[in-house]
Amino acid sequence: MSVKSSFGIASDRPRWAVLVHGGAGDIPDDRVNEHREGCRLAVVAAAAILRSGGSALDAAQRAVEVLEDDPRFNAGTGACLNEVGEVELDASIMEGRGLRAGAVAALSAFRHPIAIARAALEDGVHVMYAGEGAARFARSRGFEPARQEDMITEAARKKWQEVRAGIGHAGWAGGTVGAVVRDASGLVVAATSTGGMTNKRIGRVGDTPIIGAGTYADDEAGAASCTGHGEGFIRTCLGRAAVDLMRSGIFAEEAARRSIEHMNRRVGLDGGIILVGKDGSLGLARSTRTMSFGAVWEGAAEPLTGV
């Protein structure tokens, strides 16, 4: 069995639309409403930018920053811990007009990795910075490092201890976060941020900062943000593959479903994906038990949330 849930939204070609995810995984029933609320707050922040004529880049970055600041999710503050009990962060952002992208991998403690990825996109010299090089780039652009103890939550520490003791698994109930956005100009953007896997080896990099695997955007087709077992997304280049399905005329929901089914069938790994089409249509699919999300578009009475 592959896809457990999918949905799509088409709203008469809205000028703008945004969809966020809070990570594929297994959210306990008593935390579902918290995760839905976190996603709602993220799309509300993005929608405020889009309603005023702002850019998809600003909206996607802001949505992800809200989720990075929310300790319920595995990104920024509250991110899971690596094998030595520290946060090590990945993030990327891509815009579909000029195919510009920026990414950071294995980054030490900084509050908003997605903002540093955006700085790399705007700088334009390199797409991805890793490890100490990423931290050095961040500092050169005015970002202040955070203290590990300020970004590590009690929940993340407990999860790490359980995995180290062999009584838990490396997944995270509120995993990788991401956003896909279309603005009134037709620009599409994808942004993704994560702490990765609990107890991961130092220097492990998942799909999140890899353009074409965890994040991809192209105005000629749409944008994708992925979550789940990162190695599977890397091995199938799933972000780009899903966007190419939309390029061929397949609706966002169907493209999302086919993509997750393909990864599950080919490499036996699970996850989820969110998509926005060039026409503002939205799609989501997951093969995990849960994946919190929030969506809003021009003309929507209120945000749509779910798991």
Protein backbone atom coordinates (compact mmCIF):
# COMPACT_ATOMS: atom_id res chain seq x y z
CA MET A 1 0.00 0.00 0.00
CA SER A 2 1.30 3.48 -0.79
CA VAL A 3 -0.81 6.63 -0.56
CA LYS A 4 -3.05 6.80 2.48
CA SER A 5 -4.47 10.26 1.85
CA SER A 6 -4.50 12.90 -0.86
CA PHE A 7 -6.53 15.94 -1.78
CA GLY A 8 -6.62 18.72 -4.31
CA ILE A 9 -8.02 22.22 -4.52
CA ALA A 10 -8.92 24.08 -7.69
CA SER A 11 -10.56 27.48 -7.25
CA ASP A 12 -11.15 29.06 -10.65
CA ARG A 13 -7.54 30.07 -11.16
CA PRO A 14 -6.95 32.13 -8.00
CA ARG A 15 -4.40 34.91 -8.39
CA TRP A 16 -2.63 33.63 -5.27
CA ALA A 17 -2.58 30.47 -3.19
CA VAL A 18 -0.46 28.94 -0.42
CA LEU A 19 -0.20 25.44 1.04
CA VAL A 20 2.06 24.46 3.95
CA HIS A 21 2.92 21.17 5.61
CA GLY A 22 4.11 20.40 9.10
CA GLY A 23 5.79 17.11 8.28
CA ALA A 24 4.81 13.57 7.40
CA GLY A 25 4.81 11.21 10.37
CA ASP A 26 2.56 9.95 13.14
CA ILE A 27 1.08 12.77 15.20
CA PRO A 28 -0.52 11.50 18.45
CA ASP A 29 -4.26 12.12 18.54
CA ASP A 30 -3.96 14.48 21.50
CA ARG A 31 -1.59 16.75 19.53
CA VAL A 32 -3.48 16.90 16.23
CA ASN A 33 -5.22 20.19 16.99
CA GLU A 34 -1.91 21.82 18.01
CA HIS A 35 -0.31 20.86 14.71
CA ARG A 36 -3.29 22.06 12.71
CA GLU A 37 -3.16 25.38 14.54
CA GLY A 38 0.53 25.74 13.81
CA CYS A 39 -0.11 25.27 10.10
CA ARG A 40 -3.05 27.69 10.22
CA LEU A 41 -0.88 30.41 11.70
CA ALA A 42 1.71 29.87 8.99
CA VAL A 43 -0.73 30.24 6.09
CA VAL A 44 -2.38 33.25 7.72
CA ALA A 45 1.01 34.97 7.85
CA ALA A 46 1.70 34.10 4.21
CA ALA A 47 -1.76 35.15 3.06
CA ALA A 48 -1.35 38.59 4.63
CA ILE A 49 1.64 39.16 2.34
CA LEU A 50 -0.10 37.81 -0.76
CA ARG A 51 -3.32 39.80 -0.22
CA SER A 52 -1.32 43.02 -0.17
CA GLY A 53 0.35 42.17 -3.48
CA GLY A 54 3.53 40.79 -1.94
CA SER A 55 5.77 38.20 -3.56
CA ALA A 56 5.62 34.44 -3.30
CA LEU A 57 9.24 34.50 -2.12
CA ASP A 58 8.37 36.66 0.88
CA ALA A 59 5.21 34.66 1.62
CA ALA A 60 6.92 31.25 1.46
CA GLN A 61 9.81 32.42 3.62
CA ARG A 62 7.47 33.91 6.20
CA ALA A 63 5.28 30.79 6.37
CA VAL A 64 8.31 28.62 7.02
CA GLU A 65 9.73 31.07 9.58
CA VAL A 66 6.48 30.80 11.56
CA LEU A 67 6.87 27.01 11.58
CA GLU A 68 10.58 27.23 12.45
CA ASP A 69 9.64 29.33 15.50
CA ASP A 70 7.00 26.80 16.57
CA PRO A 71 8.62 24.14 18.83
CA ARG A 72 5.96 21.60 17.84
CA PHE A 73 7.67 21.08 14.49
CA ASN A 74 11.02 19.59 13.47
CA ALA A 75 12.60 22.77 12.11
CA GLY A 76 14.41 25.66 13.76
CA THR A 77 13.54 25.82 17.46
CA GLY A 78 12.43 22.36 18.56
CA ALA A 79 14.26 20.53 15.77
CA CYS A 80 15.37 16.98 16.47
CA LEU A 81 18.89 16.22 17.68
CA ASN A 82 21.79 14.46 15.98
CA GLU A 83 23.96 11.68 17.46
CA VAL A 84 25.75 14.08 19.82
CA GLY A 85 22.56 15.78 20.98
CA GLU A 86 22.75 18.97 18.94
CA VAL A 87 20.54 20.59 16.30
CA GLU A 88 21.91 20.43 12.76
CA LEU A 89 19.64 22.16 10.27
CA ASP A 90 18.81 21.96 6.55
CA ALA A 91 16.71 24.40 4.49
CA SER A 92 16.15 25.54 0.92
CA ILE A 93 14.03 27.94 -1.12
CA MET A 94 13.53 28.16 -4.89
CA GLU A 95 11.64 30.53 -7.16
CA GLY A 96 10.23 29.45 -10.49
CA ARG A 97 10.80 32.48 -12.72
CA GLY A 98 14.58 32.52 -12.94
CA LEU A 99 15.04 29.09 -11.32
CA ARG A 100 17.08 30.77 -8.59
CA ALA A 101 17.63 28.75 -5.41
CA GLY A 102 19.43 28.91 -2.10
CA ALA A 103 20.12 26.20 0.45
CA VAL A 104 21.97 25.43 3.67
CA ALA A 105 22.88 21.94 4.92
CA ALA A 106 24.20 20.61 8.23
CA LEU A 107 23.94 24.15 9.61
CA SER A 108 24.59 24.74 13.30
CA ALA A 109 22.11 26.54 15.53
CA PHE A 110 20.53 29.54 13.78
CA ARG A 111 16.97 30.62 14.46
CA HIS A 112 15.75 30.84 10.85
CA PRO A 113 17.63 28.57 8.44
CA ILE A 114 15.13 29.44 5.70
CA ALA A 115 16.15 33.10 5.89
CA ILE A 116 19.79 32.11 5.39
CA ALA A 117 18.77 29.98 2.40
CA ARG A 118 16.94 33.03 1.01
CA ALA A 119 20.10 35.08 1.48
CA ALA A 120 22.02 32.51 -0.56
CA LEU A 121 19.38 32.74 -3.30
CA GLU A 122 19.64 36.52 -3.40
CA ASP A 123 23.45 36.46 -3.27
CA GLY A 124 23.48 34.23 -6.33
CA VAL A 125 27.10 33.08 -6.23
CA HIS A 126 26.44 29.54 -4.96
CA VAL A 127 23.22 27.58 -4.43
CA MET A 128 24.17 25.54 -1.36
CA TYR A 129 26.41 26.08 1.66
CA ALA A 130 27.13 23.26 4.12
CA GLY A 131 28.44 22.82 7.65
CA GLU A 132 30.85 25.47 8.88
CA GLY A 133 30.73 27.09 5.44
CA ALA A 134 26.98 27.61 5.86
CA ALA A 135 27.49 29.14 9.30
CA ARG A 136 30.25 31.37 7.96
CA PHE A 137 28.03 32.55 5.10
CA ALA A 138 25.20 33.24 7.56
CA ARG A 139 27.41 35.33 9.80
CA SER A 140 28.72 37.26 6.78
CA ARG A 141 25.14 38.22 5.95
CA GLY A 142 24.38 39.49 9.45
CA PHE A 143 22.68 36.43 10.95
CA GLU A 144 23.52 35.82 14.59
CA PRO A 145 24.14 32.24 15.74
CA ALA A 146 21.81 30.94 18.44
CA ARG A 147 22.81 28.94 21.47
CA GLN A 148 22.13 25.22 21.18
CA GLU A 149 20.38 25.26 24.55
CA ASP A 150 17.97 27.95 23.35
CA MET A 151 16.86 25.88 20.35
CA ILE A 152 16.69 22.46 22.02
CA THR A 153 13.32 21.67 23.59
CA GLU A 154 12.56 19.16 26.30
CA ALA A 155 10.48 17.15 23.83
CA ALA A 156 13.39 16.93 21.37
CA ARG A 157 15.79 15.90 24.16
CA LYS A 158 13.38 13.21 25.38
CA LYS A 159 12.90 11.86 21.87
CA TRP A 160 16.66 11.69 21.36
CA GLN A 161 17.15 9.84 24.64
CA GLU A 162 14.45 7.32 23.70
CA VAL A 163 16.02 6.63 20.31
CA ARG A 164 19.47 6.29 21.89
CA ALA A 165 18.01 3.81 24.36
CA GLY A 166 16.38 1.81 21.59
CA ILE A 167 12.81 2.49 22.71
CA GLY A 168 11.83 4.99 20.02
CA HIS A 169 12.19 5.50 16.29
CA ALA A 170 14.00 8.23 14.37
CA GLY A 171 10.84 9.71 12.86
CA TRP A 172 9.30 12.88 14.24
CA ALA A 173 5.59 13.51 14.79
CA GLY A 174 5.86 17.07 13.56
CA GLY A 175 8.54 16.67 10.93
CA THR A 176 10.05 18.76 8.16
CA VAL A 177 8.08 21.91 7.37
CA GLY A 178 7.48 23.52 4.00
CA ALA A 179 5.42 25.85 1.87
CA VAL A 180 4.43 26.17 -1.78
CA VAL A 181 3.08 29.49 -3.01
CA ARG A 182 1.78 31.18 -6.14
CA ASP A 183 1.46 34.97 -6.11
CA ALA A 184 -0.62 37.37 -8.19
CA SER A 185 2.18 37.78 -10.74
CA GLY A 186 2.24 34.04 -11.44
CA LEU A 187 5.51 33.42 -9.59
CA VAL A 188 5.67 30.03 -7.84
CA VAL A 189 7.99 29.32 -4.92
CA ALA A 190 8.80 26.32 -2.74
CA ALA A 191 10.51 26.50 0.66
CA THR A 192 11.44 23.68 3.05
CA SER A 193 13.19 23.47 6.43
CA THR A 194 14.06 20.60 8.78
CA GLY A 195 16.12 19.23 11.62
CA GLY A 196 16.32 15.87 9.85
CA MET A 197 16.20 12.54 11.67
CA THR A 198 16.60 12.02 15.42
CA ASN A 199 20.07 10.65 16.29
CA LYS A 200 21.29 11.11 12.71
CA ARG A 201 25.01 10.92 12.11
CA ILE A 202 26.89 14.20 12.20
CA GLY A 203 26.91 15.71 8.73
CA ARG A 204 23.96 13.69 7.43
CA VAL A 205 22.02 15.71 4.87
CA GLY A 206 18.53 14.75 3.78
CA ASP A 207 16.45 15.82 0.81
CA THR A 208 15.33 19.20 2.19
CA PRO A 209 18.24 21.34 0.93
CA ILE A 210 18.70 19.39 -2.30
CA ILE A 211 17.07 21.16 -5.22
CA GLY A 212 15.04 18.67 -7.22
CA ALA A 213 14.72 16.22 -4.34
CA GLY A 214 12.99 17.99 -1.44
CA THR A 215 12.30 21.37 -3.03
CA TYR A 216 11.63 22.50 -6.59
CA ALA A 217 9.86 25.36 -8.40
CA ASP A 218 9.29 26.29 -12.04
CA ASP A 219 6.77 28.89 -13.24
CA GLU A 220 6.12 26.75 -16.33
CA ALA A 221 4.70 23.95 -14.17
CA GLY A 222 4.48 24.53 -10.39
CA ALA A 223 6.31 24.01 -7.12
CA ALA A 224 6.89 21.16 -4.66
CA SER A 225 7.96 20.74 -1.03
CA CYS A 226 8.60 17.26 0.38
CA THR A 227 8.69 15.61 3.81
CA GLY A 228 9.45 12.13 5.07
CA HIS A 229 12.34 9.72 4.68
CA GLY A 230 14.83 12.02 2.98
CA GLU A 231 16.94 9.31 1.42
CA GLY A 232 13.92 8.17 -0.58
CA PHE A 233 13.29 11.63 -2.00
CA ILE A 234 16.95 11.97 -2.93
CA ARG A 235 17.06 8.59 -4.66
CA THR A 236 13.94 9.36 -6.73
CA CYS A 237 14.51 13.14 -7.28
CA LEU A 238 10.86 13.41 -6.29
CA GLY A 239 10.42 17.17 -6.09
CA ARG A 240 11.42 17.71 -9.71
CA ALA A 241 9.56 14.56 -10.81
CA ALA A 242 6.30 15.80 -9.30
CA VAL A 243 6.66 19.21 -10.93
CA ASP A 244 7.32 17.52 -14.28
CA LEU A 245 4.08 15.56 -13.91
CA MET A 246 2.24 18.89 -13.60
CA ARG A 247 4.23 20.14 -16.60
CA SER A 248 2.68 17.31 -18.61
CA GLY A 249 -0.82 18.52 -17.70
CA ILE A 250 -1.57 16.33 -14.68
CA PHE A 251 -3.54 18.06 -11.91
CA ALA A 252 -1.66 18.82 -8.68
CA GLU A 253 -3.47 16.22 -6.54
CA GLU A 254 -2.88 13.43 -9.04
CA ALA A 255 0.76 14.44 -9.46
CA ALA A 256 1.23 14.34 -5.69
CA ARG A 257 -0.40 10.91 -5.40
CA ARG A 258 1.59 9.41 -8.27
CA SER A 259 4.85 10.79 -6.88
CA ILE A 260 4.44 9.30 -3.41
CA GLU A 261 3.25 6.00 -4.87
CA HIS A 262 6.35 5.92 -7.09
CA MET A 263 8.75 6.44 -4.19
CA ASN A 264 7.01 3.85 -2.06
CA ARG A 265 7.04 1.29 -4.88
CA ARG A 266 10.59 1.90 -6.07
CA VAL A 267 12.49 2.29 -2.81
CA GLY A 268 9.98 1.24 -0.14
CA LEU A 269 10.12 4.49 1.82
CA ASP A 270 7.35 6.79 3.04
CA GLY A 271 6.63 10.50 3.09
CA GLY A 272 4.44 13.28 1.79
CA ILE A 273 4.47 16.11 -0.73
CA ILE A 274 2.62 19.38 -1.29
CA LEU A 275 2.26 21.00 -4.71
CA VAL A 276 1.03 24.22 -6.23
CA GLY A 277 0.35 24.32 -9.95
CA LYS A 278 1.15 27.26 -12.19
CA ASP A 279 -2.61 27.97 -12.23
CA GLY A 280 -2.83 28.16 -8.41
CA SER A 281 -4.30 24.68 -7.93
CA LEU A 282 -3.08 22.83 -4.84
CA GLY A 283 -2.39 19.16 -4.18
CA LEU A 284 -1.19 16.97 -1.32
CA ALA A 285 -0.45 13.29 -0.79
CA ARG A 286 1.11 11.21 2.00
CA SER A 287 1.86 7.58 2.74
CA THR A 288 2.37 8.17 6.48
CA ARG A 289 -0.44 8.09 9.03
CA THR A 290 -0.49 11.88 9.35
CA MET A 291 0.83 15.04 7.73
CA SER A 292 -0.45 18.31 9.13
CA PHE A 293 -1.23 21.01 6.56
CA GLY A 294 -2.81 24.39 6.05
CA ALA A 295 -4.05 26.05 2.87
CA VAL A 296 -5.60 29.33 1.81
CA TRP A 297 -6.17 30.97 -1.56
CA GLU A 298 -7.79 34.04 -3.06
CA GLY A 299 -11.49 33.89 -2.37
CA ALA A 300 -11.28 31.34 0.46
CA ALA A 301 -13.46 32.27 3.42
CA GLU A 302 -10.90 30.93 5.88
CA PRO A 303 -7.85 28.67 5.93
CA LEU A 304 -8.31 24.94 5.44
CA THR A 305 -6.33 22.74 7.85
CA GLY A 306 -5.98 19.04 8.44
CA VAL A 307 -3.71 16.10 9.11
